[in-house]
Amino acid sequence: MSISILRAPHILGILCVVTAMTIFMTQDMAIKWLSGDYSLHEVILIRSAVATLIILAIFLPREGGLSIIRTNKLTVHLLRGFGIVVANLAFYMGLAAMSLAEATSIFFVSPLFITIFSALFLGFSGLVCRNHLMRIL
């Protein structure tokens, strides 16, 4: 690829999305493949360890070092992290139990479910209209 193509923001954005989707697809296939031989907790531990190493080795030095991860709201961040762990565990348990195509299709429909459930359970019904749902689709 030439340098001029990578400088165009829309082309770079498309390449980033394609790369991310390829990584997610490969990760899902690996977890589906490994879930027959290894405990799900072991798979999640290794996935998290690899992700942490990538963040610490590649992204943290480029973004300003350890000072960028300091926070004044540690409790909120820990709750968010716990929620992410529970969500990943639930997704990977579903991935181990159902076909890869079904799990992926449910994953891609999740923004629609999140919008509908936020209107129902959190009281955002006035903010969510038919136009919002159509934009998500």
N, C-alpha and C. Protein backbone atom coordinates (compact mmCIF):
# COMPACT_ATOMS: atom_id res chain seq x y z
N MET A 1 0.83 -1.18 0.00
CA MET A 1 0.00 0.00 0.00
C MET A 1 0.87 1.24 0.00
N SER A 2 0.40 2.21 -0.69
CA SER A 2 1.17 3.44 -0.72
C SER A 2 0.85 4.28 0.51
N ILE A 3 1.72 5.19 0.79
CA ILE A 3 1.56 6.08 1.94
C ILE A 3 0.35 6.97 1.77
N SER A 4 0.04 7.40 0.55
CA SER A 4 -1.09 8.31 0.33
C SER A 4 -2.42 7.64 0.67
N ILE A 5 -2.54 6.34 0.47
CA ILE A 5 -3.77 5.64 0.82
C ILE A 5 -3.94 5.60 2.33
N LEU A 6 -2.86 5.37 3.06
CA LEU A 6 -2.96 5.30 4.51
C LEU A 6 -3.19 6.65 5.16
N ARG A 7 -2.90 7.74 4.44
CA ARG A 7 -3.14 9.07 5.01
C ARG A 7 -4.59 9.51 4.85
N ALA A 8 -5.33 8.88 3.97
CA ALA A 8 -6.74 9.21 3.81
C ALA A 8 -7.50 8.65 5.01
N PRO A 9 -8.18 9.51 5.78
CA PRO A 9 -8.80 9.05 7.02
C PRO A 9 -9.88 7.99 6.81
N HIS A 10 -10.65 8.08 5.74
CA HIS A 10 -11.71 7.10 5.54
C HIS A 10 -11.13 5.73 5.17
N ILE A 11 -10.07 5.70 4.40
CA ILE A 11 -9.43 4.42 4.06
C ILE A 11 -8.78 3.81 5.30
N LEU A 12 -8.12 4.63 6.09
CA LEU A 12 -7.51 4.14 7.32
C LEU A 12 -8.57 3.62 8.28
N GLY A 13 -9.70 4.30 8.35
CA GLY A 13 -10.81 3.85 9.19
C GLY A 13 -11.35 2.50 8.74
N ILE A 14 -11.51 2.34 7.43
CA ILE A 14 -11.99 1.06 6.89
C ILE A 14 -11.00 -0.06 7.20
N LEU A 15 -9.71 0.22 7.03
CA LEU A 15 -8.69 -0.79 7.34
C LEU A 15 -8.69 -1.16 8.82
N CYS A 16 -8.90 -0.18 9.68
CA CYS A 16 -8.97 -0.48 11.12
C CYS A 16 -10.18 -1.34 11.45
N VAL A 17 -11.33 -1.05 10.86
CA VAL A 17 -12.53 -1.85 11.11
C VAL A 17 -12.35 -3.28 10.60
N VAL A 18 -11.81 -3.43 9.41
CA VAL A 18 -11.59 -4.77 8.84
C VAL A 18 -10.60 -5.54 9.70
N THR A 19 -9.54 -4.88 10.15
CA THR A 19 -8.56 -5.54 11.01
C THR A 19 -9.19 -5.96 12.34
N ALA A 20 -9.97 -5.08 12.95
CA ALA A 20 -10.62 -5.41 14.22
C ALA A 20 -11.59 -6.57 14.06
N MET A 21 -12.39 -6.56 13.01
CA MET A 21 -13.34 -7.66 12.80
C MET A 21 -12.62 -8.98 12.54
N THR A 22 -11.50 -8.93 11.85
CA THR A 22 -10.71 -10.14 11.62
C THR A 22 -10.16 -10.68 12.94
N ILE A 23 -9.67 -9.79 13.79
CA ILE A 23 -9.15 -10.22 15.09
C ILE A 23 -10.26 -10.79 15.96
N PHE A 24 -11.43 -10.13 15.99
CA PHE A 24 -12.55 -10.64 16.78
C PHE A 24 -13.00 -12.00 16.27
N MET A 25 -13.08 -12.16 14.95
CA MET A 25 -13.51 -13.43 14.37
C MET A 25 -12.51 -14.53 14.71
N THR A 26 -11.23 -14.23 14.61
CA THR A 26 -10.20 -15.21 14.93
C THR A 26 -10.25 -15.58 16.41
N GLN A 27 -10.45 -14.59 17.26
CA GLN A 27 -10.56 -14.84 18.70
C GLN A 27 -11.75 -15.74 18.99
N ASP A 28 -12.91 -15.46 18.39
CA ASP A 28 -14.09 -16.27 18.61
C ASP A 28 -13.89 -17.71 18.13
N MET A 29 -13.24 -17.86 16.98
CA MET A 29 -12.97 -19.21 16.48
C MET A 29 -12.02 -19.96 17.42
N ALA A 30 -11.00 -19.27 17.92
CA ALA A 30 -10.05 -19.91 18.82
C ALA A 30 -10.73 -20.34 20.12
N ILE A 31 -11.60 -19.50 20.64
CA ILE A 31 -12.30 -19.83 21.88
C ILE A 31 -13.25 -21.00 21.65
N LYS A 32 -13.94 -21.01 20.53
CA LYS A 32 -14.82 -22.13 20.20
C LYS A 32 -14.01 -23.42 20.07
N TRP A 33 -12.87 -23.34 19.45
CA TRP A 33 -12.01 -24.50 19.24
C TRP A 33 -11.42 -25.00 20.56
N LEU A 34 -10.96 -24.08 21.41
CA LEU A 34 -10.32 -24.45 22.67
C LEU A 34 -11.30 -24.85 23.76
N SER A 35 -12.57 -24.45 23.62
CA SER A 35 -13.53 -24.73 24.69
C SER A 35 -13.82 -26.21 24.85
N GLY A 36 -13.53 -27.02 23.85
CA GLY A 36 -13.72 -28.45 23.98
C GLY A 36 -12.64 -29.12 24.80
N ASP A 37 -11.44 -28.56 24.82
CA ASP A 37 -10.31 -29.19 25.51
C ASP A 37 -9.93 -28.51 26.82
N TYR A 38 -10.23 -27.24 26.96
CA TYR A 38 -9.80 -26.49 28.14
C TYR A 38 -11.01 -25.90 28.85
N SER A 39 -10.82 -25.67 30.13
CA SER A 39 -11.85 -25.00 30.91
C SER A 39 -12.02 -23.57 30.40
N LEU A 40 -13.25 -23.09 30.43
CA LEU A 40 -13.52 -21.74 29.95
C LEU A 40 -12.77 -20.69 30.75
N HIS A 41 -12.58 -20.92 32.02
CA HIS A 41 -11.85 -19.97 32.86
C HIS A 41 -10.39 -19.88 32.44
N GLU A 42 -9.80 -21.01 32.05
CA GLU A 42 -8.42 -20.99 31.57
C GLU A 42 -8.29 -20.20 30.27
N VAL A 43 -9.25 -20.40 29.38
CA VAL A 43 -9.23 -19.69 28.10
C VAL A 43 -9.36 -18.20 28.32
N ILE A 44 -10.26 -17.79 29.21
CA ILE A 44 -10.45 -16.37 29.48
C ILE A 44 -9.21 -15.78 30.16
N LEU A 45 -8.58 -16.53 31.05
CA LEU A 45 -7.37 -16.05 31.71
C LEU A 45 -6.26 -15.81 30.69
N ILE A 46 -6.05 -16.74 29.78
CA ILE A 46 -5.00 -16.57 28.77
C ILE A 46 -5.34 -15.43 27.83
N ARG A 47 -6.60 -15.32 27.43
CA ARG A 47 -7.01 -14.22 26.55
C ARG A 47 -6.77 -12.88 27.23
N SER A 48 -7.11 -12.78 28.50
CA SER A 48 -6.92 -11.54 29.24
C SER A 48 -5.44 -11.22 29.44
N ALA A 49 -4.64 -12.24 29.70
CA ALA A 49 -3.20 -12.03 29.88
C ALA A 49 -2.57 -11.54 28.58
N VAL A 50 -2.95 -12.13 27.46
CA VAL A 50 -2.41 -11.69 26.17
C VAL A 50 -2.84 -10.25 25.87
N ALA A 51 -4.11 -9.94 26.13
CA ALA A 51 -4.61 -8.58 25.88
C ALA A 51 -3.88 -7.57 26.77
N THR A 52 -3.64 -7.93 28.03
CA THR A 52 -2.93 -7.04 28.93
C THR A 52 -1.50 -6.79 28.46
N LEU A 53 -0.84 -7.85 28.02
CA LEU A 53 0.53 -7.69 27.50
C LEU A 53 0.56 -6.79 26.27
N ILE A 54 -0.40 -6.96 25.39
CA ILE A 54 -0.46 -6.11 24.19
C ILE A 54 -0.67 -4.65 24.58
N ILE A 55 -1.58 -4.41 25.51
CA ILE A 55 -1.84 -3.04 25.93
C ILE A 55 -0.61 -2.43 26.59
N LEU A 56 0.03 -3.20 27.48
CA LEU A 56 1.20 -2.67 28.18
C LEU A 56 2.39 -2.47 27.25
N ALA A 57 2.56 -3.35 26.27
CA ALA A 57 3.74 -3.27 25.41
C ALA A 57 3.58 -2.31 24.24
N ILE A 58 2.38 -2.21 23.69
CA ILE A 58 2.20 -1.41 22.47
C ILE A 58 1.52 -0.08 22.73
N PHE A 59 0.37 -0.13 23.38
CA PHE A 59 -0.44 1.09 23.48
C PHE A 59 -0.05 2.01 24.62
N LEU A 60 0.32 1.46 25.75
CA LEU A 60 0.64 2.31 26.90
C LEU A 60 1.83 3.24 26.64
N PRO A 61 2.93 2.76 26.05
CA PRO A 61 4.04 3.70 25.77
C PRO A 61 3.66 4.80 24.77
N ARG A 62 2.78 4.50 23.83
CA ARG A 62 2.40 5.50 22.83
C ARG A 62 1.44 6.54 23.37
N GLU A 63 0.73 6.21 24.45
CA GLU A 63 -0.29 7.12 24.97
C GLU A 63 0.15 7.91 26.20
N GLY A 64 1.37 7.76 26.65
CA GLY A 64 1.84 8.59 27.74
C GLY A 64 2.32 7.84 28.97
N GLY A 65 2.41 6.54 28.91
CA GLY A 65 2.95 5.78 30.03
C GLY A 65 1.93 5.48 31.10
N LEU A 66 2.42 5.10 32.27
CA LEU A 66 1.55 4.68 33.36
C LEU A 66 0.71 5.81 33.94
N SER A 67 1.13 7.04 33.73
CA SER A 67 0.37 8.16 34.29
C SER A 67 -1.02 8.27 33.66
N ILE A 68 -1.20 7.71 32.48
CA ILE A 68 -2.49 7.82 31.81
C ILE A 68 -3.55 6.91 32.42
N ILE A 69 -3.14 5.89 33.18
CA ILE A 69 -4.12 4.98 33.75
C ILE A 69 -4.47 5.30 35.20
N ARG A 70 -3.94 6.37 35.73
CA ARG A 70 -4.32 6.80 37.08
C ARG A 70 -5.75 7.34 37.05
N THR A 71 -6.49 7.08 38.14
CA THR A 71 -7.87 7.51 38.19
C THR A 71 -8.25 7.95 39.60
N ASN A 72 -9.23 8.82 39.68
CA ASN A 72 -9.80 9.23 40.96
C ASN A 72 -11.07 8.45 41.27
N LYS A 73 -11.55 7.67 40.32
CA LYS A 73 -12.80 6.92 40.48
C LYS A 73 -12.53 5.42 40.38
N LEU A 74 -11.71 4.92 41.28
CA LEU A 74 -11.30 3.52 41.23
C LEU A 74 -12.48 2.57 41.39
N THR A 75 -13.42 2.88 42.27
CA THR A 75 -14.57 2.01 42.49
C THR A 75 -15.40 1.86 41.22
N VAL A 76 -15.64 2.95 40.54
CA VAL A 76 -16.42 2.90 39.31
C VAL A 76 -15.69 2.09 38.23
N HIS A 77 -14.38 2.26 38.13
CA HIS A 77 -13.61 1.51 37.15
C HIS A 77 -13.58 0.02 37.49
N LEU A 78 -13.48 -0.31 38.77
CA LEU A 78 -13.51 -1.72 39.16
C LEU A 78 -14.87 -2.34 38.88
N LEU A 79 -15.96 -1.61 39.11
CA LEU A 79 -17.29 -2.11 38.78
C LEU A 79 -17.45 -2.31 37.27
N ARG A 80 -16.93 -1.39 36.51
CA ARG A 80 -16.96 -1.52 35.05
C ARG A 80 -16.16 -2.73 34.60
N GLY A 81 -14.99 -2.91 35.17
CA GLY A 81 -14.17 -4.07 34.84
C GLY A 81 -14.86 -5.38 35.20
N PHE A 82 -15.52 -5.41 36.36
CA PHE A 82 -16.25 -6.60 36.75
C PHE A 82 -17.39 -6.88 35.77
N GLY A 83 -18.07 -5.83 35.34
CA GLY A 83 -19.14 -6.00 34.35
C GLY A 83 -18.61 -6.55 33.03
N ILE A 84 -17.44 -6.10 32.62
CA ILE A 84 -16.84 -6.61 31.38
C ILE A 84 -16.46 -8.08 31.53
N VAL A 85 -15.94 -8.46 32.70
CA VAL A 85 -15.58 -9.86 32.93
C VAL A 85 -16.83 -10.73 32.87
N VAL A 86 -17.91 -10.30 33.50
CA VAL A 86 -19.16 -11.06 33.47
C VAL A 86 -19.71 -11.15 32.04
N ALA A 87 -19.66 -10.05 31.31
CA ALA A 87 -20.16 -10.06 29.93
C ALA A 87 -19.33 -11.00 29.05
N ASN A 88 -18.00 -10.94 29.18
CA ASN A 88 -17.14 -11.84 28.40
C ASN A 88 -17.39 -13.30 28.78
N LEU A 89 -17.52 -13.57 30.06
CA LEU A 89 -17.77 -14.93 30.51
C LEU A 89 -19.10 -15.45 29.94
N ALA A 90 -20.13 -14.62 29.97
CA ALA A 90 -21.42 -15.03 29.42
C ALA A 90 -21.33 -15.25 27.91
N PHE A 91 -20.64 -14.36 27.20
CA PHE A 91 -20.51 -14.53 25.75
C PHE A 91 -19.74 -15.79 25.41
N TYR A 92 -18.64 -16.03 26.12
CA TYR A 92 -17.83 -17.20 25.81
C TYR A 92 -18.52 -18.50 26.22
N MET A 93 -19.33 -18.47 27.27
CA MET A 93 -20.12 -19.65 27.62
C MET A 93 -21.14 -19.93 26.52
N GLY A 94 -21.76 -18.88 26.00
CA GLY A 94 -22.68 -19.06 24.89
C GLY A 94 -21.96 -19.53 23.64
N LEU A 95 -20.78 -19.04 23.42
CA LEU A 95 -19.98 -19.44 22.26
C LEU A 95 -19.61 -20.92 22.34
N ALA A 96 -19.31 -21.40 23.55
CA ALA A 96 -18.97 -22.81 23.72
C ALA A 96 -20.19 -23.70 23.54
N ALA A 97 -21.38 -23.18 23.86
CA ALA A 97 -22.58 -24.00 23.83
C ALA A 97 -23.33 -23.96 22.50
N MET A 98 -23.16 -22.92 21.70
CA MET A 98 -23.91 -22.83 20.45
C MET A 98 -22.96 -22.67 19.27
N SER A 99 -23.53 -22.63 18.10
CA SER A 99 -22.68 -22.51 16.91
C SER A 99 -22.10 -21.10 16.82
N LEU A 100 -20.99 -21.01 16.12
CA LEU A 100 -20.30 -19.73 15.97
C LEU A 100 -21.18 -18.72 15.23
N ALA A 101 -21.93 -19.18 14.24
CA ALA A 101 -22.80 -18.28 13.47
C ALA A 101 -23.91 -17.70 14.33
N GLU A 102 -24.51 -18.52 15.18
CA GLU A 102 -25.58 -18.03 16.05
C GLU A 102 -25.04 -17.02 17.07
N ALA A 103 -23.92 -17.33 17.67
CA ALA A 103 -23.33 -16.42 18.67
C ALA A 103 -22.93 -15.09 18.05
N THR A 104 -22.37 -15.14 16.85
CA THR A 104 -21.96 -13.91 16.18
C THR A 104 -23.17 -13.07 15.77
N SER A 105 -24.22 -13.72 15.30
CA SER A 105 -25.41 -12.95 14.92
C SER A 105 -26.07 -12.31 16.13
N ILE A 106 -26.08 -12.99 17.26
CA ILE A 106 -26.62 -12.38 18.48
C ILE A 106 -25.75 -11.21 18.92
N PHE A 107 -24.44 -11.35 18.77
CA PHE A 107 -23.52 -10.27 19.13
C PHE A 107 -23.80 -9.02 18.29
N PHE A 108 -24.08 -9.19 17.00
CA PHE A 108 -24.31 -8.03 16.14
C PHE A 108 -25.69 -7.41 16.32
N VAL A 109 -26.62 -8.15 16.91
CA VAL A 109 -27.95 -7.61 17.18
C VAL A 109 -27.99 -6.93 18.55
N SER A 110 -26.95 -7.09 19.34
CA SER A 110 -26.96 -6.56 20.71
C SER A 110 -27.17 -5.05 20.81
N PRO A 111 -26.68 -4.20 19.89
CA PRO A 111 -27.01 -2.77 20.02
C PRO A 111 -28.52 -2.48 19.98
N LEU A 112 -29.23 -3.26 19.20
CA LEU A 112 -30.69 -3.09 19.15
C LEU A 112 -31.30 -3.49 20.48
N PHE A 113 -30.87 -4.61 21.05
CA PHE A 113 -31.38 -5.03 22.36
C PHE A 113 -31.03 -4.03 23.44
N ILE A 114 -29.83 -3.49 23.42
CA ILE A 114 -29.41 -2.51 24.43
C ILE A 114 -30.29 -1.27 24.37
N THR A 115 -30.59 -0.82 23.16
CA THR A 115 -31.44 0.36 23.01
C THR A 115 -32.85 0.10 23.51
N ILE A 116 -33.42 -1.04 23.14
CA ILE A 116 -34.78 -1.38 23.57
C ILE A 116 -34.85 -1.54 25.08
N PHE A 117 -33.88 -2.28 25.67
CA PHE A 117 -33.90 -2.50 27.11
C PHE A 117 -33.59 -1.23 27.90
N SER A 118 -32.80 -0.32 27.34
CA SER A 118 -32.57 0.94 28.04
C SER A 118 -33.85 1.76 28.09
N ALA A 119 -34.64 1.68 27.04
CA ALA A 119 -35.92 2.38 27.04
C ALA A 119 -36.88 1.76 28.05
N LEU A 120 -36.87 0.44 28.14
CA LEU A 120 -37.81 -0.24 29.04
C LEU A 120 -37.39 -0.16 30.51
N PHE A 121 -36.14 -0.43 30.81
CA PHE A 121 -35.70 -0.57 32.19
C PHE A 121 -35.12 0.70 32.80
N LEU A 122 -34.54 1.55 32.00
CA LEU A 122 -33.90 2.75 32.54
C LEU A 122 -34.74 4.01 32.37
N GLY A 123 -35.88 3.90 31.74
CA GLY A 123 -36.77 5.03 31.60
C GLY A 123 -36.39 6.00 30.50
N PHE A 124 -35.66 5.53 29.49
CA PHE A 124 -35.29 6.39 28.38
C PHE A 124 -36.29 6.30 27.23
N SER A 125 -37.51 5.94 27.53
CA SER A 125 -38.48 5.72 26.46
C SER A 125 -38.76 7.00 25.67
N GLY A 126 -38.66 8.15 26.32
CA GLY A 126 -38.87 9.39 25.60
C GLY A 126 -37.74 9.72 24.65
N LEU A 127 -36.56 9.19 24.92
CA LEU A 127 -35.39 9.47 24.09
C LEU A 127 -35.23 8.48 22.94
N VAL A 128 -35.87 7.32 23.06
CA VAL A 128 -35.73 6.29 22.03
C VAL A 128 -37.01 6.25 21.21
N CYS A 129 -36.89 6.59 19.96
CA CYS A 129 -38.05 6.56 19.07
C CYS A 129 -37.76 5.61 17.91
N ARG A 130 -38.71 5.52 17.02
CA ARG A 130 -38.57 4.60 15.89
C ARG A 130 -37.38 4.99 15.01
N ASN A 131 -37.09 6.29 14.89
CA ASN A 131 -35.94 6.73 14.09
C ASN A 131 -34.62 6.22 14.65
N HIS A 132 -34.50 6.21 15.99
CA HIS A 132 -33.28 5.68 16.62
C HIS A 132 -33.11 4.20 16.30
N LEU A 133 -34.20 3.45 16.41
CA LEU A 133 -34.12 2.01 16.13
C LEU A 133 -33.78 1.76 14.67
N MET A 134 -34.29 2.57 13.77
CA MET A 134 -34.00 2.39 12.35
C MET A 134 -32.54 2.74 12.05
N ARG A 135 -31.98 3.71 12.75
CA ARG A 135 -30.58 4.06 12.55
C ARG A 135 -29.66 2.94 13.02
N ILE A 136 -30.06 2.25 14.05
CA ILE A 136 -29.24 1.13 14.54
C ILE A 136 -29.22 0.00 13.52
N LEU A 137 -30.36 -0.24 12.89
CA LEU A 137 -30.41 -1.29 11.89
C LEU A 137 -29.60 -0.90 10.68
